[in-house]
Amino acid sequence: MGTGDVITHTFSEPVSPTSVLAGWSGASAAVSVTITNSASNDTVTVVGVNLGTIATGGDHVGGTSTVSATMVMSGSTIRVTLSQNPGSLKTVASSTMVWTPCGLVRDLVGNAMSTPPRTEIGAPKQNF
């Protein structure tokens, strides 16, 4: 996990950018990402943004840290790119991430996103 790594949130259809972050147009925006150390299942959260939490399924960092990042939307995808290393990095051979979305996100006509956790598709892999 480090500078240039991307976390991609994919929706089944475009979402309202202002439901993700107040006043956001979907253009590139500076955000902060907190990586919380949790032994064997660290979590990733974009601070102040309605994207929910990602459980990484692995022990990627030795301590909790907050780093700078950028967020941009294209169609039905939101990409969060880390701008710096979180520090105290560890190597995880493979893991499967689980995203728990936030119900505040809306599609373009105002329908709320469902919130059951979504498990990364495919076999476990080295995510970062």
N, C-alpha and C. Protein backbone atom coordinates (compact mmCIF):
# COMPACT_ATOMS: atom_id res chain seq x y z
N MET A 1 0.86 -1.16 0.00
CA MET A 1 0.00 0.00 0.00
C MET A 1 0.90 1.22 0.00
N GLY A 2 0.78 2.04 -1.04
CA GLY A 2 1.64 3.20 -1.06
C GLY A 2 1.28 4.21 -2.13
N THR A 3 2.15 5.17 -2.32
CA THR A 3 1.95 6.25 -3.28
C THR A 3 1.58 5.69 -4.65
N GLY A 4 0.50 6.20 -5.22
CA GLY A 4 0.05 5.78 -6.54
C GLY A 4 -0.92 4.62 -6.54
N ASP A 5 -1.06 3.91 -5.42
CA ASP A 5 -2.03 2.81 -5.38
C ASP A 5 -3.44 3.38 -5.47
N VAL A 6 -4.32 2.64 -6.15
CA VAL A 6 -5.67 3.11 -6.42
C VAL A 6 -6.69 2.16 -5.79
N ILE A 7 -7.68 2.74 -5.15
CA ILE A 7 -8.83 2.00 -4.64
C ILE A 7 -10.00 2.39 -5.53
N THR A 8 -10.58 1.41 -6.21
CA THR A 8 -11.66 1.67 -7.15
C THR A 8 -12.99 1.22 -6.57
N HIS A 9 -13.94 2.14 -6.50
CA HIS A 9 -15.31 1.84 -6.07
C HIS A 9 -16.16 1.81 -7.34
N THR A 10 -16.75 0.67 -7.64
CA THR A 10 -17.55 0.53 -8.86
C THR A 10 -19.01 0.33 -8.49
N PHE A 11 -19.86 1.15 -9.08
CA PHE A 11 -21.30 1.09 -8.84
C PHE A 11 -21.98 0.50 -10.07
N SER A 12 -23.21 0.03 -9.93
CA SER A 12 -23.93 -0.55 -11.06
C SER A 12 -24.43 0.51 -12.04
N GLU A 13 -24.41 1.77 -11.60
CA GLU A 13 -24.82 2.89 -12.45
C GLU A 13 -24.17 4.16 -11.89
N PRO A 14 -24.17 5.25 -12.64
CA PRO A 14 -23.59 6.49 -12.10
C PRO A 14 -24.32 6.93 -10.83
N VAL A 15 -23.57 7.55 -9.93
CA VAL A 15 -24.15 8.06 -8.69
C VAL A 15 -24.01 9.57 -8.66
N SER A 16 -24.81 10.19 -7.83
CA SER A 16 -24.75 11.65 -7.66
C SER A 16 -23.49 12.00 -6.88
N PRO A 17 -22.57 12.76 -7.48
CA PRO A 17 -21.34 13.09 -6.76
C PRO A 17 -21.59 13.85 -5.46
N THR A 18 -22.65 14.67 -5.41
CA THR A 18 -22.91 15.42 -4.18
C THR A 18 -23.42 14.53 -3.05
N SER A 19 -23.89 13.31 -3.39
CA SER A 19 -24.28 12.38 -2.33
C SER A 19 -23.05 11.66 -1.75
N VAL A 20 -21.97 11.69 -2.48
CA VAL A 20 -20.70 11.10 -2.02
C VAL A 20 -19.95 12.11 -1.16
N LEU A 21 -19.90 13.36 -1.63
CA LEU A 21 -19.22 14.43 -0.91
C LEU A 21 -19.95 15.73 -1.23
N ALA A 22 -20.41 16.42 -0.21
CA ALA A 22 -21.16 17.66 -0.41
C ALA A 22 -20.39 18.64 -1.30
N GLY A 23 -21.07 19.15 -2.33
CA GLY A 23 -20.49 20.14 -3.23
C GLY A 23 -19.55 19.58 -4.28
N TRP A 24 -19.36 18.27 -4.31
CA TRP A 24 -18.42 17.66 -5.25
C TRP A 24 -19.05 17.49 -6.62
N SER A 25 -18.29 17.79 -7.68
CA SER A 25 -18.79 17.65 -9.06
C SER A 25 -18.38 16.33 -9.69
N GLY A 26 -17.48 15.59 -9.04
CA GLY A 26 -16.94 14.37 -9.61
C GLY A 26 -15.53 14.58 -10.17
N ALA A 27 -15.13 15.85 -10.29
CA ALA A 27 -13.77 16.17 -10.76
C ALA A 27 -12.77 15.82 -9.66
N SER A 28 -11.52 15.75 -10.02
CA SER A 28 -10.48 15.40 -9.07
C SER A 28 -10.54 16.31 -7.84
N ALA A 29 -10.52 15.69 -6.66
CA ALA A 29 -10.60 16.44 -5.40
C ALA A 29 -9.61 15.84 -4.41
N ALA A 30 -9.01 16.70 -3.61
CA ALA A 30 -8.10 16.24 -2.55
C ALA A 30 -8.93 15.68 -1.40
N VAL A 31 -8.54 14.51 -0.90
CA VAL A 31 -9.20 13.87 0.23
C VAL A 31 -8.12 13.28 1.14
N SER A 32 -8.54 12.80 2.28
CA SER A 32 -7.65 12.08 3.19
C SER A 32 -8.17 10.66 3.35
N VAL A 33 -7.25 9.72 3.48
CA VAL A 33 -7.60 8.32 3.65
C VAL A 33 -6.97 7.83 4.96
N THR A 34 -7.79 7.21 5.81
CA THR A 34 -7.29 6.62 7.04
C THR A 34 -7.17 5.12 6.87
N ILE A 35 -5.99 4.60 7.15
CA ILE A 35 -5.76 3.16 7.15
C ILE A 35 -5.63 2.78 8.62
N THR A 36 -6.57 1.98 9.10
CA THR A 36 -6.61 1.61 10.51
C THR A 36 -6.01 0.24 10.71
N ASN A 37 -4.97 0.16 11.52
CA ASN A 37 -4.31 -1.12 11.82
C ASN A 37 -5.24 -1.95 12.69
N SER A 38 -5.49 -3.18 12.25
CA SER A 38 -6.38 -4.06 12.99
C SER A 38 -5.89 -5.50 12.90
N ALA A 39 -4.66 -5.73 13.28
CA ALA A 39 -4.04 -7.06 13.30
C ALA A 39 -4.09 -7.74 11.93
N SER A 40 -5.11 -8.53 11.67
CA SER A 40 -5.14 -9.29 10.40
C SER A 40 -6.17 -8.78 9.41
N ASN A 41 -6.81 -7.64 9.69
CA ASN A 41 -7.85 -7.14 8.79
C ASN A 41 -7.92 -5.61 8.88
N ASP A 42 -6.88 -4.93 8.38
CA ASP A 42 -6.85 -3.47 8.40
C ASP A 42 -8.03 -2.91 7.60
N THR A 43 -8.45 -1.70 7.95
CA THR A 43 -9.56 -1.07 7.23
C THR A 43 -9.10 0.23 6.59
N VAL A 44 -9.80 0.60 5.52
CA VAL A 44 -9.52 1.83 4.77
C VAL A 44 -10.80 2.64 4.70
N THR A 45 -10.69 3.93 5.06
CA THR A 45 -11.84 4.83 5.01
C THR A 45 -11.40 6.15 4.40
N VAL A 46 -12.19 6.67 3.45
CA VAL A 46 -11.93 8.00 2.91
C VAL A 46 -12.64 8.97 3.86
N VAL A 47 -11.87 9.81 4.51
CA VAL A 47 -12.36 10.67 5.59
C VAL A 47 -13.38 11.69 5.06
N GLY A 48 -14.55 11.76 5.72
CA GLY A 48 -15.56 12.75 5.39
C GLY A 48 -16.29 12.50 4.08
N VAL A 49 -16.14 11.31 3.52
CA VAL A 49 -16.74 10.95 2.24
C VAL A 49 -17.66 9.75 2.46
N ASN A 50 -18.81 9.74 1.80
CA ASN A 50 -19.80 8.68 1.99
C ASN A 50 -19.52 7.43 1.15
N LEU A 51 -18.31 6.89 1.29
CA LEU A 51 -17.98 5.67 0.55
C LEU A 51 -17.95 4.43 1.43
N GLY A 52 -18.18 4.58 2.73
CA GLY A 52 -18.17 3.43 3.62
C GLY A 52 -16.75 3.03 3.98
N THR A 53 -16.57 1.75 4.30
CA THR A 53 -15.30 1.24 4.78
C THR A 53 -14.92 -0.02 4.02
N ILE A 54 -13.62 -0.17 3.79
CA ILE A 54 -13.11 -1.38 3.14
C ILE A 54 -12.28 -2.15 4.16
N ALA A 55 -12.65 -3.40 4.40
CA ALA A 55 -11.83 -4.31 5.19
C ALA A 55 -10.87 -4.98 4.21
N THR A 56 -9.57 -4.83 4.45
CA THR A 56 -8.57 -5.30 3.48
C THR A 56 -8.34 -6.80 3.50
N GLY A 57 -8.74 -7.47 4.57
CA GLY A 57 -8.50 -8.90 4.67
C GLY A 57 -7.05 -9.24 4.94
N GLY A 58 -6.25 -8.24 5.32
CA GLY A 58 -4.84 -8.47 5.59
C GLY A 58 -4.27 -7.43 6.53
N ASP A 59 -3.03 -7.67 6.96
CA ASP A 59 -2.32 -6.77 7.86
C ASP A 59 -1.32 -5.97 7.04
N HIS A 60 -1.77 -4.86 6.45
CA HIS A 60 -0.96 -4.07 5.52
C HIS A 60 -0.10 -3.02 6.19
N VAL A 61 -0.49 -2.54 7.38
CA VAL A 61 0.26 -1.50 8.07
C VAL A 61 0.50 -1.88 9.53
N GLY A 62 1.58 -1.34 10.09
CA GLY A 62 1.91 -1.62 11.48
C GLY A 62 1.28 -0.65 12.46
N GLY A 63 0.71 0.42 11.96
CA GLY A 63 0.07 1.42 12.81
C GLY A 63 -0.93 2.23 12.00
N THR A 64 -1.93 2.75 12.67
CA THR A 64 -2.96 3.55 12.01
C THR A 64 -2.36 4.86 11.52
N SER A 65 -2.73 5.26 10.29
CA SER A 65 -2.26 6.54 9.76
C SER A 65 -3.28 7.13 8.81
N THR A 66 -3.18 8.43 8.62
CA THR A 66 -4.02 9.14 7.65
C THR A 66 -3.10 9.77 6.62
N VAL A 67 -3.41 9.55 5.33
CA VAL A 67 -2.56 10.03 4.24
C VAL A 67 -3.40 10.85 3.26
N SER A 68 -2.72 11.66 2.46
CA SER A 68 -3.43 12.44 1.43
C SER A 68 -3.69 11.55 0.21
N ALA A 69 -4.74 11.93 -0.52
CA ALA A 69 -5.14 11.18 -1.71
C ALA A 69 -5.95 12.10 -2.61
N THR A 70 -6.25 11.62 -3.80
CA THR A 70 -7.18 12.32 -4.69
C THR A 70 -8.32 11.38 -5.04
N MET A 71 -9.48 11.95 -5.32
CA MET A 71 -10.67 11.17 -5.66
C MET A 71 -11.26 11.77 -6.93
N VAL A 72 -11.62 10.90 -7.88
CA VAL A 72 -12.23 11.35 -9.13
C VAL A 72 -13.28 10.34 -9.56
N MET A 73 -14.34 10.84 -10.19
CA MET A 73 -15.40 9.96 -10.68
C MET A 73 -15.41 9.97 -12.20
N SER A 74 -15.61 8.79 -12.77
CA SER A 74 -15.78 8.63 -14.21
C SER A 74 -16.87 7.61 -14.44
N GLY A 75 -18.01 8.06 -14.99
CA GLY A 75 -19.13 7.14 -15.19
C GLY A 75 -19.62 6.59 -13.87
N SER A 76 -19.58 5.26 -13.71
CA SER A 76 -20.05 4.63 -12.48
C SER A 76 -18.90 4.19 -11.59
N THR A 77 -17.74 4.81 -11.76
CA THR A 77 -16.55 4.43 -10.99
C THR A 77 -15.97 5.64 -10.26
N ILE A 78 -15.61 5.43 -9.00
CA ILE A 78 -14.88 6.44 -8.23
C ILE A 78 -13.54 5.84 -7.87
N ARG A 79 -12.47 6.56 -8.25
CA ARG A 79 -11.10 6.10 -7.99
C ARG A 79 -10.46 7.01 -6.95
N VAL A 80 -9.90 6.38 -5.92
CA VAL A 80 -9.18 7.09 -4.88
C VAL A 80 -7.71 6.68 -5.01
N THR A 81 -6.84 7.65 -5.29
CA THR A 81 -5.42 7.38 -5.50
C THR A 81 -4.62 7.95 -4.34
N LEU A 82 -3.85 7.09 -3.69
CA LEU A 82 -3.02 7.52 -2.56
C LEU A 82 -1.89 8.42 -3.06
N SER A 83 -1.68 9.53 -2.38
CA SER A 83 -0.64 10.49 -2.74
C SER A 83 0.62 10.31 -1.91
N GLN A 84 0.56 9.45 -0.89
CA GLN A 84 1.73 9.23 -0.05
C GLN A 84 1.63 7.85 0.60
N ASN A 85 2.77 7.37 1.10
CA ASN A 85 2.81 6.08 1.80
C ASN A 85 2.28 6.25 3.21
N PRO A 86 1.53 5.25 3.70
CA PRO A 86 1.03 5.34 5.07
C PRO A 86 2.09 5.10 6.13
N GLY A 87 3.26 4.59 5.77
CA GLY A 87 4.30 4.32 6.76
C GLY A 87 4.07 2.99 7.43
N SER A 88 5.13 2.42 7.98
CA SER A 88 5.05 1.15 8.70
C SER A 88 4.35 0.08 7.86
N LEU A 89 4.78 -0.04 6.59
CA LEU A 89 4.13 -0.96 5.65
C LEU A 89 4.53 -2.40 5.88
N LYS A 90 3.62 -3.32 5.57
CA LYS A 90 3.86 -4.75 5.63
C LYS A 90 3.48 -5.34 4.28
N THR A 91 4.03 -6.50 3.97
CA THR A 91 3.68 -7.19 2.73
C THR A 91 2.68 -8.29 3.04
N VAL A 92 1.59 -8.31 2.29
CA VAL A 92 0.57 -9.33 2.43
C VAL A 92 0.55 -10.13 1.14
N ALA A 93 0.76 -11.44 1.25
CA ALA A 93 0.83 -12.29 0.06
C ALA A 93 -0.47 -12.25 -0.74
N SER A 94 -1.60 -12.39 -0.07
CA SER A 94 -2.89 -12.31 -0.76
C SER A 94 -3.99 -12.04 0.25
N SER A 95 -5.04 -11.42 -0.24
CA SER A 95 -6.20 -11.13 0.61
C SER A 95 -7.40 -10.86 -0.27
N THR A 96 -8.57 -10.87 0.35
CA THR A 96 -9.81 -10.53 -0.33
C THR A 96 -10.44 -9.37 0.44
N MET A 97 -10.68 -8.26 -0.26
CA MET A 97 -11.25 -7.09 0.39
C MET A 97 -12.78 -7.17 0.43
N VAL A 98 -13.36 -6.56 1.45
CA VAL A 98 -14.82 -6.49 1.60
C VAL A 98 -15.19 -5.03 1.81
N TRP A 99 -16.03 -4.51 0.93
CA TRP A 99 -16.48 -3.12 0.99
C TRP A 99 -17.85 -3.07 1.63
N THR A 100 -17.98 -2.27 2.70
CA THR A 100 -19.29 -2.01 3.31
C THR A 100 -19.66 -0.58 2.93
N PRO A 101 -20.57 -0.43 1.94
CA PRO A 101 -20.92 0.90 1.45
C PRO A 101 -21.77 1.70 2.42
N CYS A 102 -21.89 2.98 2.14
CA CYS A 102 -22.68 3.91 2.93
C CYS A 102 -24.03 4.12 2.24
N GLY A 103 -25.11 4.04 2.98
CA GLY A 103 -26.45 4.19 2.42
C GLY A 103 -26.81 5.61 2.03
N LEU A 104 -25.91 6.58 2.25
CA LEU A 104 -26.20 7.96 1.88
C LEU A 104 -25.96 8.24 0.40
N VAL A 105 -25.25 7.34 -0.28
CA VAL A 105 -24.98 7.53 -1.71
C VAL A 105 -26.28 7.29 -2.49
N ARG A 106 -26.53 8.18 -3.46
CA ARG A 106 -27.76 8.11 -4.27
C ARG A 106 -27.40 8.01 -5.74
N ASP A 107 -28.29 7.37 -6.50
CA ASP A 107 -28.10 7.40 -7.95
C ASP A 107 -28.59 8.75 -8.48
N LEU A 108 -28.55 8.92 -9.78
CA LEU A 108 -28.87 10.23 -10.37
C LEU A 108 -30.33 10.65 -10.22
N VAL A 109 -31.22 9.70 -9.92
CA VAL A 109 -32.63 10.06 -9.70
C VAL A 109 -33.01 10.03 -8.22
N GLY A 110 -32.03 9.81 -7.34
CA GLY A 110 -32.28 9.92 -5.91
C GLY A 110 -32.48 8.62 -5.15
N ASN A 111 -32.37 7.47 -5.81
CA ASN A 111 -32.52 6.20 -5.11
C ASN A 111 -31.28 5.91 -4.27
N ALA A 112 -31.51 5.45 -3.03
CA ALA A 112 -30.41 5.14 -2.12
C ALA A 112 -29.70 3.85 -2.52
N MET A 113 -28.42 3.83 -2.25
CA MET A 113 -27.62 2.63 -2.49
C MET A 113 -27.92 1.60 -1.42
N SER A 114 -27.94 0.33 -1.80
CA SER A 114 -28.10 -0.72 -0.79
C SER A 114 -26.78 -0.86 -0.03
N THR A 115 -26.84 -1.36 1.19
CA THR A 115 -25.66 -1.36 2.03
C THR A 115 -25.07 -2.72 2.42
N PRO A 116 -25.57 -3.85 1.92
CA PRO A 116 -24.90 -5.10 2.29
C PRO A 116 -23.44 -5.08 1.83
N PRO A 117 -22.54 -5.68 2.62
CA PRO A 117 -21.13 -5.73 2.22
C PRO A 117 -20.94 -6.43 0.88
N ARG A 118 -19.95 -5.95 0.12
CA ARG A 118 -19.62 -6.54 -1.18
C ARG A 118 -18.21 -7.09 -1.09
N THR A 119 -18.05 -8.37 -1.44
CA THR A 119 -16.75 -9.03 -1.40
C THR A 119 -16.10 -8.93 -2.77
N GLU A 120 -14.81 -8.62 -2.76
CA GLU A 120 -14.03 -8.53 -3.99
C GLU A 120 -14.18 -9.81 -4.80
N ILE A 121 -14.34 -9.67 -6.10
CA ILE A 121 -14.55 -10.80 -7.00
C ILE A 121 -13.22 -11.48 -7.31
N GLY A 122 -13.27 -12.78 -7.44
CA GLY A 122 -12.09 -13.55 -7.83
C GLY A 122 -11.36 -14.15 -6.65
N ALA A 123 -10.30 -14.87 -6.96
CA ALA A 123 -9.49 -15.50 -5.93
C ALA A 123 -8.72 -14.45 -5.13
N PRO A 124 -8.35 -14.75 -3.89
CA PRO A 124 -7.53 -13.81 -3.13
C PRO A 124 -6.26 -13.43 -3.92
N LYS A 125 -5.86 -12.17 -3.79
CA LYS A 125 -4.69 -11.70 -4.53
C LYS A 125 -3.95 -10.63 -3.74
N GLN A 126 -2.78 -10.27 -4.19
CA GLN A 126 -2.03 -9.19 -3.55
C GLN A 126 -2.66 -7.88 -4.01
N ASN A 127 -3.37 -7.20 -3.12
CA ASN A 127 -4.12 -6.01 -3.49
C ASN A 127 -3.29 -4.74 -3.50
N PHE A 128 -2.26 -4.69 -2.71
CA PHE A 128 -1.43 -3.49 -2.65
C PHE A 128 0.00 -3.91 -2.86
